[in-house]
Amino acid sequence: MTRVGFLCVGLMLYAGQAAAGSGSDGTPTLMIAPRASQVLNFVPRDVIDAHSSGEVWLRCGWTMARRLTKCRVIKEIPEGVGFGDAAIKGFETYGYLKKVRSASRDGEEMAFRFVWDVK
């Protein structure tokens, strides 16, 4: 049986990139992050078997319903095997923000780093 776990998870909002949420400086705050198993469910099994760890950097907008939207991959290690697409699906499906004041506008994004290790 394969067990999925984290080496580390960094969910980081880059300062000054967003101004419409509930943080003390007005920035949105992630309330619920996807678990590694939820993200990796979007990755084909043979890809996980071949690449047991990696990292994805994402940038996402947000909606008034406190959901992440329009996520895009900034960096993916290893590249081109599907982990970036899986991270987008996982964050847009399972990510949930604390209270926001408005939806993101063009150019307003939150940045995330997602790191995993499959054991």
C-alpha atoms as a PDB file:
ATOM      1  CA  MET A   1       0.000   0.000   0.000  1.00  0.00           C
ATOM      2  CA  THR A   2       1.281   3.467  -0.856  1.00  0.00           C
ATOM      3  CA  ARG A   3       1.214   6.110   1.849  1.00  0.00           C
ATOM      4  CA  VAL A   4       1.148   9.757   0.851  1.00  0.00           C
ATOM      5  CA  GLY A   5       2.774  12.336   3.082  1.00  0.00           C
ATOM      6  CA  PHE A   6       4.408  15.719   3.044  1.00  0.00           C
ATOM      7  CA  LEU A   7       8.047  16.540   3.346  1.00  0.00           C
ATOM      8  CA  CYS A   8       6.886  20.087   3.785  1.00  0.00           C
ATOM      9  CA  VAL A   9       4.063  22.275   2.638  1.00  0.00           C
ATOM     10  CA  GLY A  10       4.545  25.947   2.091  1.00  0.00           C
ATOM     11  CA  LEU A  11       1.400  27.925   1.434  1.00  0.00           C
ATOM     12  CA  MET A  12       2.675  31.415   1.057  1.00  0.00           C
ATOM     13  CA  LEU A  13       1.000  34.652   0.020  1.00  0.00           C
ATOM     14  CA  TYR A  14       3.439  37.029  -1.600  1.00  0.00           C
ATOM     15  CA  ALA A  15       3.214  40.433   0.084  1.00  0.00           C
ATOM     16  CA  GLY A  16       1.602  43.184  -1.933  1.00  0.00           C
ATOM     17  CA  GLN A  17       0.006  40.928  -4.552  1.00  0.00           C
ATOM     18  CA  ALA A  18      -3.541  41.001  -3.206  1.00  0.00           C
ATOM     19  CA  ALA A  19      -5.643  43.565  -1.412  1.00  0.00           C
ATOM     20  CA  ALA A  20      -9.135  42.198  -1.017  1.00  0.00           C
ATOM     21  CA  GLY A  21      -9.398  39.831   1.898  1.00  0.00           C
ATOM     22  CA  SER A  22      -9.368  39.119   5.563  1.00  0.00           C
ATOM     23  CA  GLY A  23      -5.721  39.225   6.656  1.00  0.00           C
ATOM     24  CA  SER A  24      -4.623  42.000   8.994  1.00  0.00           C
ATOM     25  CA  ASP A  25      -3.209  43.833   5.961  1.00  0.00           C
ATOM     26  CA  GLY A  26      -6.322  43.183   3.831  1.00  0.00           C
ATOM     27  CA  THR A  27      -4.936  40.171   1.979  1.00  0.00           C
ATOM     28  CA  PRO A  28      -6.944  36.967   1.539  1.00  0.00           C
ATOM     29  CA  THR A  29      -5.987  34.099   3.833  1.00  0.00           C
ATOM     30  CA  LEU A  30      -6.155  30.426   2.909  1.00  0.00           C
ATOM     31  CA  MET A  31      -8.445  28.644   5.378  1.00  0.00           C
ATOM     32  CA  ILE A  32      -8.472  25.146   3.875  1.00  0.00           C
ATOM     33  CA  ALA A  33      -5.611  23.804   1.756  1.00  0.00           C
ATOM     34  CA  PRO A  34      -5.906  20.604  -0.253  1.00  0.00           C
ATOM     35  CA  ARG A  35      -4.272  17.556   1.305  1.00  0.00           C
ATOM     36  CA  ALA A  36      -1.476  15.889  -0.661  1.00  0.00           C
ATOM     37  CA  SER A  37      -3.659  12.834  -1.246  1.00  0.00           C
ATOM     38  CA  GLN A  38      -6.394  15.030  -2.770  1.00  0.00           C
ATOM     39  CA  VAL A  39      -3.964  16.629  -5.209  1.00  0.00           C
ATOM     40  CA  LEU A  40      -2.227  13.361  -6.072  1.00  0.00           C
ATOM     41  CA  ASN A  41      -5.597  11.736  -6.844  1.00  0.00           C
ATOM     42  CA  PHE A  42      -5.524  13.840 -10.032  1.00  0.00           C
ATOM     43  CA  VAL A  43      -2.150  12.311 -11.088  1.00  0.00           C
ATOM     44  CA  PRO A  44      -2.015   8.996 -12.990  1.00  0.00           C
ATOM     45  CA  ARG A  45      -0.657   6.149 -10.855  1.00  0.00           C
ATOM     46  CA  ASP A  46       2.250   5.367 -13.220  1.00  0.00           C
ATOM     47  CA  VAL A  47       3.443   8.980 -12.951  1.00  0.00           C
ATOM     48  CA  ILE A  48       3.420   8.816  -9.143  1.00  0.00           C
ATOM     49  CA  ASP A  49       5.349   5.531  -9.276  1.00  0.00           C
ATOM     50  CA  ALA A  50       7.998   7.143 -11.510  1.00  0.00           C
ATOM     51  CA  HIS A  51       8.247  10.471  -9.644  1.00  0.00           C
ATOM     52  CA  SER A  52       7.699  10.116  -5.909  1.00  0.00           C
ATOM     53  CA  SER A  53       8.370  13.718  -4.907  1.00  0.00           C
ATOM     54  CA  GLY A  54       8.298  17.210  -6.300  1.00  0.00           C
ATOM     55  CA  GLU A  55       7.201  20.806  -6.015  1.00  0.00           C
ATOM     56  CA  VAL A  56       4.715  23.081  -7.742  1.00  0.00           C
ATOM     57  CA  TRP A  57       4.457  26.866  -7.502  1.00  0.00           C
ATOM     58  CA  LEU A  58       1.012  28.293  -8.335  1.00  0.00           C
ATOM     59  CA  ARG A  59      -0.572  31.720  -8.642  1.00  0.00           C
ATOM     60  CA  CYS A  60      -4.368  31.934  -8.277  1.00  0.00           C
ATOM     61  CA  GLY A  61      -7.150  34.487  -8.285  1.00  0.00           C
ATOM     62  CA  TRP A  62     -10.198  34.157  -6.025  1.00  0.00           C
ATOM     63  CA  THR A  63     -13.970  34.566  -6.086  1.00  0.00           C
ATOM     64  CA  MET A  64     -16.492  36.147  -3.716  1.00  0.00           C
ATOM     65  CA  ALA A  65     -17.477  32.562  -2.850  1.00  0.00           C
ATOM     66  CA  ARG A  66     -13.964  32.308  -1.285  1.00  0.00           C
ATOM     67  CA  ARG A  67     -12.742  29.784  -3.856  1.00  0.00           C
ATOM     68  CA  LEU A  68      -9.470  29.838  -5.783  1.00  0.00           C
ATOM     69  CA  THR A  69      -9.798  30.339  -9.536  1.00  0.00           C
ATOM     70  CA  LYS A  70      -7.736  30.825 -12.672  1.00  0.00           C
ATOM     71  CA  CYS A  71      -4.720  29.094 -11.113  1.00  0.00           C
ATOM     72  CA  ARG A  72      -1.597  28.805 -13.240  1.00  0.00           C
ATOM     73  CA  VAL A  73       1.687  26.979 -12.787  1.00  0.00           C
ATOM     74  CA  ILE A  74       4.741  29.182 -12.283  1.00  0.00           C
ATOM     75  CA  LYS A  75       7.211  26.345 -11.711  1.00  0.00           C
ATOM     76  CA  GLU A  76       6.938  22.557 -11.610  1.00  0.00           C
ATOM     77  CA  ILE A  77       9.536  19.974 -10.533  1.00  0.00           C
ATOM     78  CA  PRO A  78       9.671  17.552 -12.276  1.00  0.00           C
ATOM     79  CA  GLU A  79       8.363  19.388 -15.334  1.00  0.00           C
ATOM     80  CA  GLY A  80       5.724  18.145 -17.734  1.00  0.00           C
ATOM     81  CA  VAL A  81       4.514  14.998 -15.984  1.00  0.00           C
ATOM     82  CA  GLY A  82       1.181  16.316 -14.715  1.00  0.00           C
ATOM     83  CA  PHE A  83       1.851  17.460 -11.154  1.00  0.00           C
ATOM     84  CA  GLY A  84       1.228  21.112 -12.098  1.00  0.00           C
ATOM     85  CA  ASP A  85      -2.183  20.332 -13.579  1.00  0.00           C
ATOM     86  CA  ALA A  86      -2.991  18.173 -10.549  1.00  0.00           C
ATOM     87  CA  ALA A  87      -2.052  21.010  -8.168  1.00  0.00           C
ATOM     88  CA  ILE A  88      -4.310  23.414 -10.088  1.00  0.00           C
ATOM     89  CA  LYS A  89      -7.234  20.969  -9.886  1.00  0.00           C
ATOM     90  CA  GLY A  90      -6.551  20.286  -6.198  1.00  0.00           C
ATOM     91  CA  PHE A  91      -6.320  23.937  -5.176  1.00  0.00           C
ATOM     92  CA  GLU A  92      -9.337  24.993  -7.257  1.00  0.00           C
ATOM     93  CA  THR A  93     -11.396  22.027  -6.001  1.00  0.00           C
ATOM     94  CA  TYR A  94     -10.394  21.899  -2.316  1.00  0.00           C
ATOM     95  CA  GLY A  95      -8.818  25.279  -1.495  1.00  0.00           C
ATOM     96  CA  TYR A  96     -11.036  27.629   0.487  1.00  0.00           C
ATOM     97  CA  LEU A  97     -10.316  31.154   1.723  1.00  0.00           C
ATOM     98  CA  LYS A  98     -11.346  32.971   4.879  1.00  0.00           C
ATOM     99  CA  LYS A  99     -13.658  35.931   4.372  1.00  0.00           C
ATOM    100  CA  VAL A 100     -12.827  38.131   1.361  1.00  0.00           C
ATOM    101  CA  ARG A 101     -14.064  41.649   0.636  1.00  0.00           C
ATOM    102  CA  SER A 102     -14.218  41.252  -3.140  1.00  0.00           C
ATOM    103  CA  ALA A 103     -13.196  38.918  -5.934  1.00  0.00           C
ATOM    104  CA  SER A 104      -9.691  39.307  -7.294  1.00  0.00           C
ATOM    105  CA  ARG A 105      -9.162  41.753 -10.119  1.00  0.00           C
ATOM    106  CA  ASP A 106      -6.797  41.323 -13.064  1.00  0.00           C
ATOM    107  CA  GLY A 107      -3.275  41.081 -11.672  1.00  0.00           C
ATOM    108  CA  GLU A 108      -4.332  40.239  -8.099  1.00  0.00           C
ATOM    109  CA  GLU A 109      -3.119  36.757  -7.234  1.00  0.00           C
ATOM    110  CA  MET A 110      -2.142  34.590  -4.289  1.00  0.00           C
ATOM    111  CA  ALA A 111       1.016  32.513  -4.633  1.00  0.00           C
ATOM    112  CA  PHE A 112       1.399  28.977  -3.278  1.00  0.00           C
ATOM    113  CA  ARG A 113       4.185  26.423  -3.083  1.00  0.00           C
ATOM    114  CA  PHE A 114       3.058  22.801  -2.825  1.00  0.00           C
ATOM    115  CA  VAL A 115       5.668  20.151  -1.933  1.00  0.00           C
ATOM    116  CA  TRP A 116       5.053  16.420  -1.559  1.00  0.00           C
ATOM    117  CA  ASP A 117       6.767  13.098  -0.932  1.00  0.00           C
ATOM    118  CA  VAL A 118       5.131   9.740  -1.642  1.00  0.00           C
ATOM    119  CA  LYS A 119       6.291   6.926   0.671  1.00  0.00           C
END
